[in-house]
Protein backbone atom coordinates (compact mmCIF):
# COMPACT_ATOMS: atom_id res chain seq x y z
CA MET A 1 7.52 6.78 -53.93
CA LEU A 2 4.07 8.67 -54.32
CA LEU A 3 4.18 8.11 -57.96
CA LEU A 4 4.44 4.41 -57.34
CA ILE A 5 1.63 4.54 -54.94
CA ALA A 6 -0.65 6.13 -57.24
CA LEU A 7 0.09 3.56 -59.89
CA GLY A 8 -0.46 0.83 -57.68
CA ASN A 9 -3.77 2.24 -56.43
CA ALA A 10 -5.40 3.66 -59.38
CA HIS A 11 -6.41 0.22 -61.12
CA VAL A 12 -8.21 -0.70 -57.80
CA TYR A 13 -11.20 1.38 -58.93
CA LEU A 14 -11.87 -0.49 -62.16
CA VAL A 15 -14.88 -2.63 -61.75
CA GLY A 16 -16.18 -3.22 -65.30
CA ASP A 17 -14.08 -6.25 -66.12
CA GLU A 18 -13.49 -9.61 -64.69
CA ILE A 19 -10.88 -9.39 -61.89
CA GLY A 20 -7.86 -11.68 -62.19
CA VAL A 21 -4.56 -12.21 -60.52
CA ARG A 22 -3.85 -9.72 -57.55
CA GLY A 23 -6.79 -7.48 -58.18
CA TYR A 24 -6.02 -6.66 -61.71
CA PRO A 25 -8.61 -6.69 -64.21
CA VAL A 26 -8.38 -9.27 -66.96
CA ALA A 27 -6.78 -7.24 -69.77
CA GLU A 28 -7.89 -7.67 -73.38
CA ALA A 29 -6.39 -4.51 -75.10
CA VAL A 30 -2.73 -4.43 -75.87
CA PRO A 31 -1.95 -1.22 -74.15
CA ASP A 32 -3.75 -2.46 -70.91
CA ARG A 33 -1.68 -5.83 -71.16
CA ILE A 34 1.56 -3.89 -71.46
CA VAL A 35 0.70 -1.51 -68.58
CA THR A 36 -0.27 -4.51 -66.43
CA LEU A 37 2.90 -6.37 -67.15
CA LEU A 38 5.06 -3.35 -66.37
CA GLN A 39 3.29 -2.53 -63.10
CA MET A 40 3.34 -6.01 -61.77
CA VAL A 41 7.09 -6.03 -62.46
CA PHE A 42 7.94 -2.56 -61.14
CA VAL A 43 5.11 -1.39 -58.87
CA ASP A 44 2.83 -4.06 -57.61
CA GLY A 45 4.10 -5.39 -54.21
CA ARG A 46 7.24 -3.10 -54.74
CA ALA A 47 5.97 0.26 -53.58
CA TYR A 48 4.66 -0.58 -50.28
CA PRO A 49 7.68 -2.34 -49.08
CA MET A 50 9.65 0.73 -49.91
CA PHE A 51 6.94 3.24 -48.20
CA ALA A 52 7.35 0.78 -45.19
CA ALA A 53 11.09 0.98 -45.11
CA LEU A 54 11.11 4.76 -45.30
CA PHE A 55 8.24 5.06 -42.58
CA GLY A 56 10.49 2.77 -40.09
CA TYR A 57 13.50 5.01 -41.08
CA GLY A 58 11.51 8.22 -40.33
CA ILE A 59 10.29 6.89 -36.90
CA VAL A 60 13.92 6.38 -35.89
CA GLN A 61 14.80 9.99 -36.99
CA LEU A 62 11.82 11.31 -35.02
CA ALA A 63 13.19 9.26 -31.90
CA ARG A 64 16.63 10.60 -32.55
CA ARG A 65 15.62 14.09 -32.72
CA GLN A 66 13.57 13.75 -29.48
CA GLU A 67 16.40 12.01 -27.43
CA GLY A 68 18.88 14.72 -28.91
CA ALA A 69 16.66 17.31 -27.32
CA GLY A 70 16.94 15.64 -23.92
CA ILE A 71 13.67 13.80 -23.89
CA GLU A 72 13.61 10.66 -21.69
CA PRO A 73 13.37 7.33 -23.82
CA ASN A 74 10.19 6.25 -22.16
CA THR A 75 8.55 9.75 -23.14
CA VAL A 76 9.85 9.11 -26.53
CA ARG A 77 8.08 5.69 -26.65
CA LYS A 78 4.84 7.13 -25.59
CA LEU A 79 5.18 9.98 -28.38
CA ILE A 80 5.66 7.51 -30.85
CA ARG A 81 2.61 5.53 -29.66
CA ARG A 82 0.59 8.50 -29.50
CA ARG A 83 1.47 9.43 -32.98
CA GLY A 84 0.83 5.97 -34.06
CA TRP A 85 -2.95 6.15 -32.37
CA TRP A 86 -3.67 9.32 -34.45
CA LEU A 87 -2.23 7.63 -37.55
CA VAL A 88 -4.95 4.93 -36.96
CA LEU A 89 -7.74 7.54 -36.71
CA PHE A 90 -6.29 9.13 -39.82
CA GLY A 91 -6.51 5.86 -41.55
CA PHE A 92 -10.03 5.20 -40.38
CA ALA A 93 -11.20 8.73 -41.67
CA HIS A 94 -9.56 8.01 -45.07
CA ALA A 95 -11.48 4.73 -45.31
CA LEU A 96 -14.77 5.96 -44.18
CA LEU A 97 -14.72 9.16 -46.35
CA LEU A 98 -12.57 7.94 -49.51
CA PHE A 99 -10.72 4.56 -49.87
CA SER A 100 -10.69 1.37 -48.08
CA GLY A 101 -7.11 0.41 -49.36
CA ASP A 102 -5.83 3.06 -46.88
CA ILE A 103 -2.19 2.32 -45.63
CA ILE A 104 -1.97 5.04 -42.89
CA GLY A 105 -3.94 3.04 -40.16
CA SER A 106 -1.61 0.03 -40.77
CA TYR A 107 1.29 2.18 -40.12
CA GLY A 108 -0.35 3.56 -36.87
CA ILE A 109 -0.91 0.02 -35.55
CA LEU A 110 2.59 -0.86 -36.27
CA ALA A 111 3.82 2.42 -34.60
CA VAL A 112 1.85 1.53 -31.46
CA GLY A 113 2.65 -1.95 -31.28
CA LEU A 114 6.39 -1.81 -32.03
CA ALA A 115 7.46 1.52 -30.44
CA GLY A 116 9.43 -0.22 -27.97
CA VAL A 117 11.27 -2.24 -30.86
CA PHE A 118 12.10 0.83 -32.60
CA LEU A 119 14.15 2.13 -29.66
CA ARG A 120 15.32 -1.02 -27.70
CA ALA A 121 15.74 -3.87 -30.15
CA ARG A 122 19.28 -5.03 -31.00
CA ASP A 123 20.21 -4.91 -34.79
CA ARG A 124 20.63 -8.52 -34.92
CA MET A 125 17.34 -9.00 -33.50
CA LEU A 126 15.76 -6.63 -36.13
CA LEU A 127 16.95 -8.57 -38.91
CA LEU A 128 16.25 -12.00 -37.43
CA ALA A 129 12.76 -10.85 -36.96
CA ALA A 130 12.47 -9.36 -40.54
CA GLY A 131 13.74 -12.82 -41.73
CA LEU A 132 11.32 -14.90 -39.83
CA TRP A 133 8.32 -12.54 -40.65
CA MET A 134 9.05 -13.32 -44.43
CA VAL A 135 7.83 -16.83 -43.84
CA PRO A 136 4.05 -15.91 -43.50
CA VAL A 137 4.48 -13.00 -46.02
CA ALA A 138 5.73 -15.65 -48.54
CA VAL A 139 2.92 -18.00 -47.75
CA PHE A 140 0.41 -15.11 -47.99
CA GLY A 141 1.94 -14.25 -51.50
CA ALA A 142 1.63 -17.66 -52.80
CA LEU A 143 -2.04 -17.64 -52.11
CA GLN A 144 -2.36 -14.45 -53.82
CA GLY A 145 -1.09 -16.06 -56.97
CA LEU A 146 -4.15 -18.09 -57.24
CA THR A 147 -7.19 -16.72 -59.46
CA VAL A 148 -10.36 -16.21 -57.37
CA PRO A 149 -12.98 -18.88 -58.68
CA GLU A 150 -16.04 -17.29 -60.23
CA THR A 151 -19.35 -17.54 -58.35
CA SER A 152 -22.88 -17.23 -59.54
CA GLN A 153 -23.24 -14.18 -57.18
CA PRO A 154 -20.97 -11.47 -58.02
CA SER A 155 -19.10 -9.95 -55.10
CA VAL A 156 -20.13 -6.52 -53.91
CA SER A 157 -17.33 -4.03 -53.23
CA SER A 158 -17.36 -0.49 -52.06
CA ILE A 159 -15.75 0.69 -55.30
CA SER A 160 -18.84 -0.60 -57.32
CA THR A 161 -21.41 0.67 -55.04
CA SER A 162 -23.02 3.83 -56.06
CA ASN A 163 -24.87 4.72 -52.91
CA PRO A 164 -22.53 6.62 -50.88
CA LEU A 165 -23.71 5.58 -47.42
CA ALA A 166 -23.62 1.89 -48.60
CA ALA A 167 -20.26 2.39 -49.90
CA ALA A 168 -18.97 3.98 -46.60
CA VAL A 169 -20.06 0.87 -44.64
CA LEU A 170 -18.38 -1.46 -47.11
CA ARG A 171 -15.29 0.60 -47.11
CA LEU A 172 -14.91 0.34 -43.14
CA GLU A 173 -15.44 -3.43 -43.53
CA GLU A 174 -12.96 -3.66 -46.17
CA TRP A 175 -10.47 -1.42 -44.33
CA VAL A 176 -10.35 -3.59 -41.10
CA THR A 177 -9.77 -6.80 -43.33
CA LEU A 178 -7.07 -5.17 -45.28
CA THR A 179 -5.43 -3.43 -42.56
CA PHE A 180 -5.23 -6.86 -40.67
CA GLN A 181 -3.67 -8.34 -43.63
CA GLN A 182 -1.22 -5.52 -44.39
CA VAL A 183 -0.01 -5.68 -40.66
CA LEU A 184 0.36 -9.23 -40.50
CA PHE A 185 1.37 -10.23 -44.14
CA SER A 186 2.93 -7.40 -45.67
CA LEU A 187 4.66 -4.42 -43.95
CA VAL A 188 6.52 -5.75 -41.03
CA PRO A 189 9.85 -7.09 -42.67
CA ALA A 190 10.44 -3.76 -44.72
CA LEU A 191 9.68 -1.70 -41.62
CA LEU A 192 12.17 -3.43 -39.27
CA PHE A 193 14.76 -3.29 -42.14
CA GLY A 194 14.10 0.55 -42.38
CA VAL A 195 14.67 0.83 -38.53
CA TRP A 196 18.08 -0.91 -38.98
CA ALA A 197 19.10 1.33 -41.98
CA ALA A 198 18.21 4.41 -40.01
CA ARG A 199 20.55 3.25 -37.08
CA ARG A 200 23.25 3.10 -39.62
CA ARG A 201 22.46 6.37 -41.10
CA LEU A 202 22.37 4.87 -44.58
CA LEU A 203 20.10 7.71 -46.15
CA ASP A 204 21.32 10.47 -43.76
CA GLU A 205 25.18 9.87 -44.75
CA PRO A 206 24.67 8.07 -48.32
CA GLU A 207 28.16 9.08 -49.28
CA ARG A 208 29.70 6.52 -46.87
CA TYR A 209 27.64 3.80 -48.43
CA ARG A 210 27.70 4.55 -52.00
CA TRP A 211 28.83 1.28 -53.22
CA ARG A 212 26.64 -0.65 -50.94
CA LEU A 213 23.60 1.51 -52.23
CA ARG A 214 24.59 0.74 -55.88
CA TYR A 215 24.68 -2.81 -55.01
CA ALA A 216 21.54 -2.78 -53.27
CA ALA A 217 19.78 -0.89 -55.96
CA ALA A 218 21.17 -3.15 -58.82
CA VAL A 219 20.41 -6.57 -57.18
CA GLY A 220 17.09 -5.40 -55.46
CA ILE A 221 15.44 -4.17 -58.67
CA GLY A 222 16.96 -6.88 -60.77
CA SER A 223 15.50 -9.44 -58.26
CA ALA A 224 12.20 -7.60 -58.36
CA VAL A 225 12.05 -7.95 -62.14
CA ALA A 226 13.03 -11.53 -62.45
CA GLY A 227 10.87 -12.59 -59.54
CA GLY A 228 7.87 -10.66 -60.73
CA LEU A 229 7.96 -11.60 -64.23
CA PRO A 230 6.14 -15.10 -63.86
CA MET A 231 3.18 -13.50 -62.03
CA ALA A 232 3.24 -10.30 -64.53
CA LEU A 233 2.88 -12.49 -67.48
CA MET A 234 -0.11 -14.35 -65.81
CA ALA A 235 -1.71 -10.77 -65.01
CA SER A 236 -1.34 -9.58 -68.35
CA ALA A 237 -2.93 -12.80 -69.90
CA VAL A 238 0.35 -13.66 -71.75
CA TRP A 239 0.41 -16.82 -69.51
CA PRO A 240 -3.24 -17.70 -68.75
CA GLU A 241 -3.99 -20.48 -66.44
CA PRO A 242 -0.50 -22.10 -65.79
CA GLY A 243 -1.88 -24.45 -63.09
CA PHE A 244 -2.14 -24.43 -59.28
CA VAL A 245 1.51 -25.23 -58.41
CA VAL A 246 3.13 -22.78 -60.97
CA SER A 247 0.71 -20.10 -59.77
CA THR A 248 1.54 -20.56 -56.00
CA ILE A 249 5.37 -20.55 -56.79
CA ALA A 250 4.80 -17.42 -58.88
CA GLY A 251 3.14 -15.64 -56.21
CA LEU A 252 5.59 -16.42 -53.65
CA LEU A 253 8.27 -15.17 -55.92
CA HIS A 254 6.44 -12.18 -56.73
CA SER A 255 5.87 -11.35 -52.96
CA VAL A 256 9.52 -11.92 -51.83
CA ALA A 257 10.97 -10.28 -54.84
CA GLY A 258 8.88 -7.27 -54.01
CA TYR A 259 10.80 -6.75 -50.96
CA ALA A 260 14.06 -6.81 -52.62
CA GLY A 261 12.64 -4.28 -55.29
CA GLY A 262 11.60 -2.26 -52.05
CA VAL A 263 15.20 -2.35 -50.71
CA GLY A 264 16.38 -1.34 -54.39
CA TYR A 265 14.15 1.70 -54.52
CA THR A 266 15.15 2.70 -50.92
CA ALA A 267 18.92 2.36 -52.19
CA ILE A 268 18.03 4.62 -55.12
CA VAL A 269 16.61 7.38 -52.70
CA GLY A 270 20.17 7.28 -51.10
CA LEU A 271 21.84 7.55 -54.41
CA VAL A 272 19.82 10.46 -55.61
CA ALA A 273 20.44 12.35 -52.37
CA ILE A 274 24.25 12.08 -53.03
CA ARG A 275 23.67 13.58 -56.55
CA LEU A 276 21.75 16.21 -55.14
CA ARG A 277 24.15 16.97 -52.65
CA GLN A 278 26.95 17.54 -55.23
CA ARG A 279 25.00 20.40 -57.07
CA ARG A 280 22.50 23.09 -56.71
CA GLN A 281 18.90 21.83 -56.64
CA GLY A 282 16.77 22.63 -59.55
CA PRO A 283 13.12 23.37 -59.75
CA VAL A 284 12.16 19.82 -60.32
CA SER A 285 14.04 18.51 -57.30
CA THR A 286 12.99 21.39 -55.22
CA ALA A 287 9.27 20.74 -56.03
CA LEU A 288 9.73 16.73 -55.23
CA THR A 289 11.50 17.70 -51.97
CA ALA A 290 8.38 19.90 -51.21
CA CYS A 291 5.95 16.93 -52.15
CA GLY A 292 8.04 14.50 -49.61
CA GLN A 293 7.54 16.92 -46.94
CA ARG A 294 3.78 16.83 -47.44
CA SER A 295 3.61 13.28 -48.45
CA MET A 296 0.51 12.32 -46.25
CA THR A 297 -1.66 15.30 -47.79
CA CYS A 298 -0.31 14.28 -51.14
CA TYR A 299 -1.24 10.61 -50.58
CA LEU A 300 -4.78 11.56 -49.38
CA SER A 301 -4.99 13.91 -52.21
CA GLN A 302 -4.74 10.83 -54.74
CA SER A 303 -7.84 9.37 -53.23
CA VAL A 304 -9.74 12.47 -53.70
CA VAL A 305 -8.98 12.57 -57.40
CA PHE A 306 -9.48 8.74 -57.94
CA VAL A 307 -12.77 8.80 -56.13
CA ALA A 308 -14.01 11.99 -57.87
CA VAL A 309 -13.26 10.34 -61.43
CA LEU A 310 -13.34 6.67 -61.01
CA ALA A 311 -15.27 5.23 -58.22
CA ALA A 312 -19.04 4.19 -58.49
CA TYR A 313 -19.85 6.63 -55.43
CA GLY A 314 -17.90 9.49 -57.33
CA GLY A 315 -17.33 10.02 -61.09
CA GLY A 316 -18.19 6.49 -62.08
CA LEU A 317 -15.64 6.29 -64.77
CA GLY A 318 -14.19 3.13 -63.29
CA ASN A 319 -16.83 0.89 -65.22
CA ASP A 320 -15.88 2.52 -68.52
CA ILE A 321 -12.06 2.61 -68.84
CA GLY A 322 -8.85 0.40 -68.81
CA ILE A 323 -5.59 -0.05 -66.95
CA ALA A 324 -3.69 2.04 -69.28
CA ALA A 325 -6.13 4.92 -68.78
CA THR A 326 -5.83 4.78 -65.04
CA ALA A 327 -2.06 4.62 -65.16
CA VAL A 328 -2.30 7.99 -67.20
CA LEU A 329 -4.56 9.24 -64.61
CA ALA A 330 -2.30 8.18 -61.78
CA VAL A 331 0.63 10.16 -63.36
CA LEU A 332 -1.24 13.18 -63.89
CA THR A 333 -2.72 13.07 -60.31
CA TRP A 334 0.97 12.61 -58.99
CA VAL A 335 2.26 15.52 -61.17
CA LEU A 336 -0.80 17.68 -59.80
CA THR A 337 0.12 17.07 -56.24
CA VAL A 338 3.84 17.92 -56.94
CA VAL A 339 2.77 21.13 -58.18
CA ALA A 340 0.50 21.97 -55.37
CA ALA A 341 3.10 21.02 -52.88
CA GLU A 342 5.47 23.43 -54.63
CA VAL A 343 2.77 26.13 -54.33
CA MET A 344 2.34 25.46 -50.86
CA ARG A 345 6.17 25.56 -50.25
CA ARG A 346 6.45 29.03 -52.03
CA ARG A 347 3.75 30.24 -49.86
CA ARG A 348 5.42 28.80 -46.77
CA ARG A 349 2.43 26.48 -45.87
CA ARG A 350 2.74 23.06 -44.45
CA GLY A 351 0.43 20.32 -45.72
CA PRO A 352 -2.86 20.29 -44.02
CA ALA A 353 -2.62 16.65 -42.93
CA GLU A 354 1.11 17.17 -41.47
CA VAL A 355 -0.33 20.26 -39.58
CA LEU A 356 -3.15 18.37 -37.96
CA LEU A 357 -0.91 15.36 -37.32
CA ARG A 358 1.69 17.23 -35.67
CA ARG A 359 -0.89 19.45 -33.54
CA PHE A 360 -2.55 16.24 -32.42
CA THR A 361 0.78 14.47 -31.55
CA TYR A 362 2.69 17.41 -29.80
CA GLY A 363 -0.30 19.48 -28.86
CA ALA A 364 -0.54 23.36 -29.30
CA THR A 365 3.15 23.78 -29.02
CA ALA A 366 4.22 21.69 -31.73
CA PRO A 367 7.72 21.93 -32.81
CA ARG A 368 8.79 23.08 -36.18
CA THR A 369 11.50 20.87 -36.77
């Protein structure tokens, strides 16, 4: 999950070239075109739906643990909302200091607004609401298929601003807009699906759903590839300027297929869990588990590296390198966070972001489970 997030975010820091479809720089070099095509098919609009589904799944697990300990449902709902408000604050700090494309604050807003839904909504209503919410998601995706027209005044973004204070102000402005977009037009359907899946313990007891998970993985990822290919060809300059109608249809397909891909990736999580339960964990799977247990720390660490290397208010290399180079940087950054998480595991240390969130959510007597 975090590898896909790193690949999906790294290219945002590139400011030296003309920006085309879905924020990707218009690629000229062959390696950049290849990486753009692959990321549009397998990463762009596919990683965050998976992230949202797993977030919804995790909220249900949290509520189940609390209720199992004898906590009243109303108290559990308040706990989820309190955790959500702290996530909003974490997202605000992430945007203020590092990256306006933060996703943590969006999840916090959804946790606050949908705390009651996590606990009380019927399964049928969850799926119905997720399906209906796909309509604005699809419309928004269709609009994203259009290329932004060029203007005489180049737009100023936080990534291209070298002055740290000015960049911080711009980041907060961008964060508000992006968070609004993510909450309304991106995350809700996948999050509700994650809640539904958690109630059936699809990832807790994956052996019971082995064939369904295989079907979901094959159909979901296959749909993501097929639905994402038209826009991938556009973004990689293989199919330039296909026209208004074709561009909107491609954007719609890319967006909707991304949710199928998110479901497919989530199903793969369950299938991997089955495999790991059947044999002893090795050093790689142990390190990946450690990274997952410190996912917020690792996610924030990605921004630290990208800013230090790429952003104009940091290392400034985002004006000189291409998409292929940022993909290499994203992979190396992810590997670094996995290694760091494994070191923390061996030293029996939690991730600092997780420690803070638990302390703020539960107080000084935060539970260790």
